[in-house]
Protein backbone atom coordinates (compact mmCIF):
# COMPACT_ATOMS: atom_id res chain seq x y z
CA UNK A 1 -0.04 0.04 0.03
CA UNK A 2 2.80 2.38 0.89
CA UNK A 3 4.31 2.19 -2.78
CA UNK A 4 0.85 2.85 -4.37
CA UNK A 5 0.25 5.95 -2.00
CA UNK A 6 3.73 7.24 -2.70
CA UNK A 7 2.98 7.00 -6.47
CA UNK A 8 -0.38 8.76 -6.09
CA UNK A 9 1.29 11.54 -3.94
CA UNK A 10 4.20 11.86 -6.50
CA UNK A 11 1.87 12.44 -9.41
CA UNK A 12 0.42 15.31 -7.36
CA UNK A 13 4.10 16.64 -7.19
CA UNK A 14 4.43 16.05 -3.39
CA UNK A 15 7.82 14.89 -2.23
CA UNK A 16 7.23 11.65 -0.50
CA UNK A 17 9.51 9.33 1.62
CA UNK A 18 8.40 5.92 2.90
CA UNK A 19 9.51 3.76 5.81
CA UNK A 20 8.45 0.14 6.80
CA UNK A 21 8.35 0.33 10.62
CA UNK A 22 7.74 3.03 13.44
CA UNK A 23 11.26 3.01 14.71
CA UNK A 24 12.58 3.88 11.06
CA UNK A 25 9.94 6.54 10.88
CA UNK A 26 11.12 8.09 14.13
CA UNK A 27 14.72 8.22 12.77
CA UNK A 28 13.55 9.80 9.52
CA UNK A 29 11.55 12.62 11.18
CA UNK A 30 14.66 13.31 13.35
CA UNK A 31 16.66 13.44 10.11
CA UNK A 32 14.56 15.46 7.73
CA UNK A 33 11.79 18.12 7.96
CA UNK A 34 8.31 17.09 6.84
CA UNK A 35 5.04 19.10 6.24
CA UNK A 36 2.71 16.23 6.92
CA UNK A 37 2.91 12.55 8.05
CA UNK A 38 0.70 9.58 6.85
CA UNK A 39 0.76 7.09 9.79
CA UNK A 40 -0.45 3.60 9.68
CA UNK A 41 -1.77 2.54 13.09
CA UNK A 42 -0.47 -1.04 12.82
CA UNK A 43 3.35 -0.31 12.11
CA UNK A 44 5.76 -3.07 13.35
CA UNK A 45 8.43 -2.21 16.08
CA UNK A 46 6.66 1.10 17.13
CA UNK A 47 3.00 1.18 16.38
CA UNK A 48 1.34 4.17 14.97
CA UNK A 49 -0.32 5.37 18.20
CA UNK A 50 2.93 5.30 20.30
CA UNK A 51 4.80 6.95 17.34
CA UNK A 52 2.38 9.83 17.20
CA UNK A 53 2.46 10.19 21.00
CA UNK A 54 6.34 10.44 20.77
CA UNK A 55 6.19 13.01 18.07
CA UNK A 56 3.82 15.26 19.99
CA UNK A 57 5.68 14.80 23.26
CA UNK A 58 8.94 15.77 21.49
CA UNK A 59 7.40 18.96 20.18
CA UNK A 60 6.53 17.97 16.54
CA UNK A 61 3.72 19.80 15.38
CA UNK A 62 3.37 18.81 11.72
CA UNK A 63 -0.13 17.40 10.75
CA UNK A 64 -0.48 13.73 11.08
CA UNK A 65 -3.14 11.69 9.17
CA UNK A 66 -3.65 8.08 10.90
CA UNK A 67 -4.56 5.32 8.71
CA UNK A 68 -6.02 1.97 9.94
CA UNK A 69 -7.92 -1.13 8.86
CA UNK A 70 -10.16 -0.88 12.02
CA UNK A 71 -13.38 1.20 11.61
CA UNK A 72 -14.60 1.72 15.28
CA UNK A 73 -15.20 4.93 17.11
CA UNK A 74 -12.91 3.62 20.02
CA UNK A 75 -9.89 3.35 17.55
CA UNK A 76 -10.65 6.73 16.03
CA UNK A 77 -10.89 8.29 19.38
CA UNK A 78 -7.53 6.59 20.57
CA UNK A 79 -5.78 7.85 17.36
CA UNK A 80 -7.08 11.38 17.67
CA UNK A 81 -6.09 11.40 21.47
CA UNK A 82 -2.64 10.37 20.62
CA UNK A 83 -2.18 13.39 18.61
CA UNK A 84 -3.53 12.74 15.12
CA UNK A 85 -5.10 15.41 13.05
CA UNK A 86 -7.31 13.20 10.92
CA UNK A 87 -8.25 9.54 10.62
CA UNK A 88 -8.95 7.45 7.45
CA UNK A 89 -10.02 3.77 7.30
CA UNK A 90 -8.71 1.31 4.69
CA UNK A 91 -9.36 0.80 1.79
CA UNK A 92 -8.43 4.39 1.15
CA UNK A 93 -10.37 6.42 -1.36
CA UNK A 94 -7.35 8.24 -3.01
CA UNK A 95 -9.31 11.45 -4.21
CA UNK A 96 -10.69 11.84 -0.55
CA UNK A 97 -7.24 11.22 0.92
CA UNK A 98 -5.74 13.85 -1.31
CA UNK A 99 -8.44 16.36 -0.28
CA UNK A 100 -7.75 15.60 3.37
CA UNK A 101 -4.05 16.19 2.75
CA UNK A 102 -4.71 19.59 1.17
CA UNK A 103 -6.88 20.62 4.06
CA UNK A 104 -4.36 19.61 6.64
CA UNK A 105 -1.54 21.46 4.77
CA UNK A 106 -3.81 24.55 4.47
CA UNK A 107 -4.26 24.33 8.31
CA UNK A 108 -0.56 23.98 8.80
CA UNK A 109 0.21 26.95 6.67
CA UNK A 110 -1.56 29.24 9.22
CA UNK A 111 0.90 28.10 11.77
CA UNK A 112 4.18 28.32 9.70
CA UNK A 113 4.91 30.38 6.54
CA UNK A 114 5.05 28.38 3.42
CA UNK A 115 7.94 30.33 1.86
CA UNK A 116 11.33 28.64 2.46
CA UNK A 117 14.20 31.08 2.44
CA UNK A 118 17.97 30.73 2.74
CA UNK A 119 19.50 34.23 2.46
CA UNK A 120 18.41 35.78 -0.86
CA UNK A 121 17.07 32.31 -2.08
CA UNK A 122 13.22 31.88 -1.73
CA UNK A 123 11.25 28.72 -2.65
CA UNK A 124 7.35 28.75 -2.61
CA UNK A 125 6.10 25.12 -2.26
CA UNK A 126 2.71 26.29 -3.00
CA UNK A 127 3.43 27.54 -6.49
CA UNK A 128 6.85 25.83 -7.07
CA UNK A 129 8.28 29.34 -7.81
CA UNK A 130 11.96 29.78 -7.01
CA UNK A 131 13.74 33.15 -6.91
CA UNK A 132 17.19 34.44 -6.08
CA UNK A 133 16.98 38.20 -5.05
CA UNK A 134 14.47 39.43 -7.83
CA UNK A 135 15.31 36.72 -10.35
CA UNK A 136 13.14 33.79 -11.07
CA UNK A 137 14.68 30.42 -11.75
CA UNK A 138 13.19 27.77 -14.14
CA UNK A 139 13.93 24.38 -12.84
CA UNK A 140 12.99 20.87 -13.84
CA UNK A 141 10.91 18.99 -11.29
CA UNK A 142 13.86 16.99 -10.13
CA UNK A 143 15.94 20.24 -9.86
CA UNK A 144 13.27 21.83 -7.82
CA UNK A 145 12.87 18.71 -5.45
CA UNK A 146 16.61 18.66 -4.86
CA UNK A 147 16.74 22.25 -3.98
CA UNK A 148 13.70 21.92 -1.73
CA UNK A 149 15.29 19.12 0.07
CA UNK A 150 18.57 21.30 0.63
CA UNK A 151 16.79 24.28 1.64
CA UNK A 152 14.57 22.54 4.15
CA UNK A 153 17.63 20.92 5.74
CA UNK A 154 20.04 23.73 5.50
CA UNK A 155 23.65 22.99 6.81
CA UNK A 156 22.68 19.16 7.32
CA UNK A 157 24.44 17.10 4.77
CA UNK A 158 22.06 15.22 2.47
CA UNK A 159 23.83 12.06 1.49
CA UNK A 160 23.27 10.33 -1.92
CA UNK A 161 20.91 7.82 -0.38
CA UNK A 162 18.79 10.57 1.17
CA UNK A 163 18.70 12.44 -2.04
CA UNK A 164 17.60 9.35 -3.84
CA UNK A 165 14.84 8.52 -1.42
CA UNK A 166 13.45 12.00 -1.47
CA UNK A 167 13.96 13.06 -5.24
CA UNK A 168 13.86 9.65 -7.02
CA UNK A 169 12.92 6.29 -5.50
CA UNK A 170 14.79 3.46 -3.88
CA UNK A 171 12.92 1.12 -6.22
CA UNK A 172 13.99 3.07 -9.18
CA UNK A 173 17.31 4.76 -8.25
CA UNK A 174 19.21 7.05 -10.79
CA UNK A 175 22.43 6.15 -12.58
CA UNK A 176 25.65 6.73 -10.52
CA UNK A 177 26.38 10.13 -11.97
CA UNK A 178 22.65 11.45 -12.35
CA UNK A 179 22.71 13.23 -8.90
CA UNK A 180 26.02 15.05 -9.82
CA UNK A 181 24.50 16.20 -13.29
CA UNK A 182 21.56 17.65 -11.51
CA UNK A 183 23.61 19.42 -8.91
CA UNK A 184 25.83 20.88 -11.60
CA UNK A 185 22.71 22.01 -13.51
CA UNK A 186 21.26 23.61 -10.38
CA UNK A 187 24.53 25.25 -9.45
CA UNK A 188 24.69 26.72 -13.07
CA UNK A 189 21.19 28.12 -12.97
CA UNK A 190 21.80 29.73 -9.53
CA UNK A 191 24.93 31.22 -10.57
CA UNK A 192 23.23 32.76 -13.68
CA UNK A 193 20.88 34.77 -11.38
CA UNK A 194 23.66 35.89 -9.13
CA UNK A 195 23.95 33.17 -6.56
CA UNK A 196 27.50 32.40 -5.09
CA UNK A 197 29.25 29.69 -6.97
CA UNK A 198 29.49 27.61 -3.72
CA UNK A 199 25.87 28.04 -2.54
CA UNK A 200 25.57 24.31 -2.86
CA UNK A 201 28.58 22.75 -1.13
CA UNK A 202 29.90 19.37 -1.83
CA UNK A 203 31.13 17.58 1.35
CA UNK A 204 33.44 14.97 -0.25
CA UNK A 205 32.60 11.53 0.60
CA UNK A 206 29.26 12.44 2.41
CA UNK A 207 26.81 14.56 0.18
CA UNK A 208 25.61 18.12 -0.30
CA UNK A 209 24.46 20.99 1.80
CA UNK A 210 23.84 24.82 1.43
CA UNK A 211 26.62 27.19 2.25
CA UNK A 212 26.48 28.70 5.59
CA UNK A 213 24.71 32.29 5.78
CA UNK A 214 27.45 33.47 8.03
CA UNK A 215 30.34 32.90 5.54
């Protein structure tokens, strides 16, 4: 089911990561920044209820949509009391799921501004518009997703595997030099609108990150 959901969301131009158990999900949330979490109640290792409680007790405020096969009012109450913002029962109706995701994201935007900024670099996830100063960049979908990943995580190094998971797919990874080609193209487009040559830093043997604003 996770693969089918990820595909449906990717078609809508959402950047999607999937994990197979609750402990892996906890590690992922602590590694990357997310706007919304789809959470299966029956995850192995750490179930959805306890994961949601852990997220809330540690201050994570992103919307959580709980998914379960059990359609009882008691289960819904347990999920919502654990900190979930919404609740859906399998089998999922994809159009309804997408509508609920849009509603939760709109609600979240009232709490945190949707514009992502790094110095003069501005990225609008709502319109997919990217600007540097007063110059607009025209990016491919992959370039946009790569830049969004970097700006959301700032000085944190994004490894090749993290970039593949976020921008491509573990099941359909790119060729060895594809990431380098996309980074080179992205740097060229940024440089053309006045950005520093090293705005995207290569940390040799580890991955990529954005240049410190203090430098």
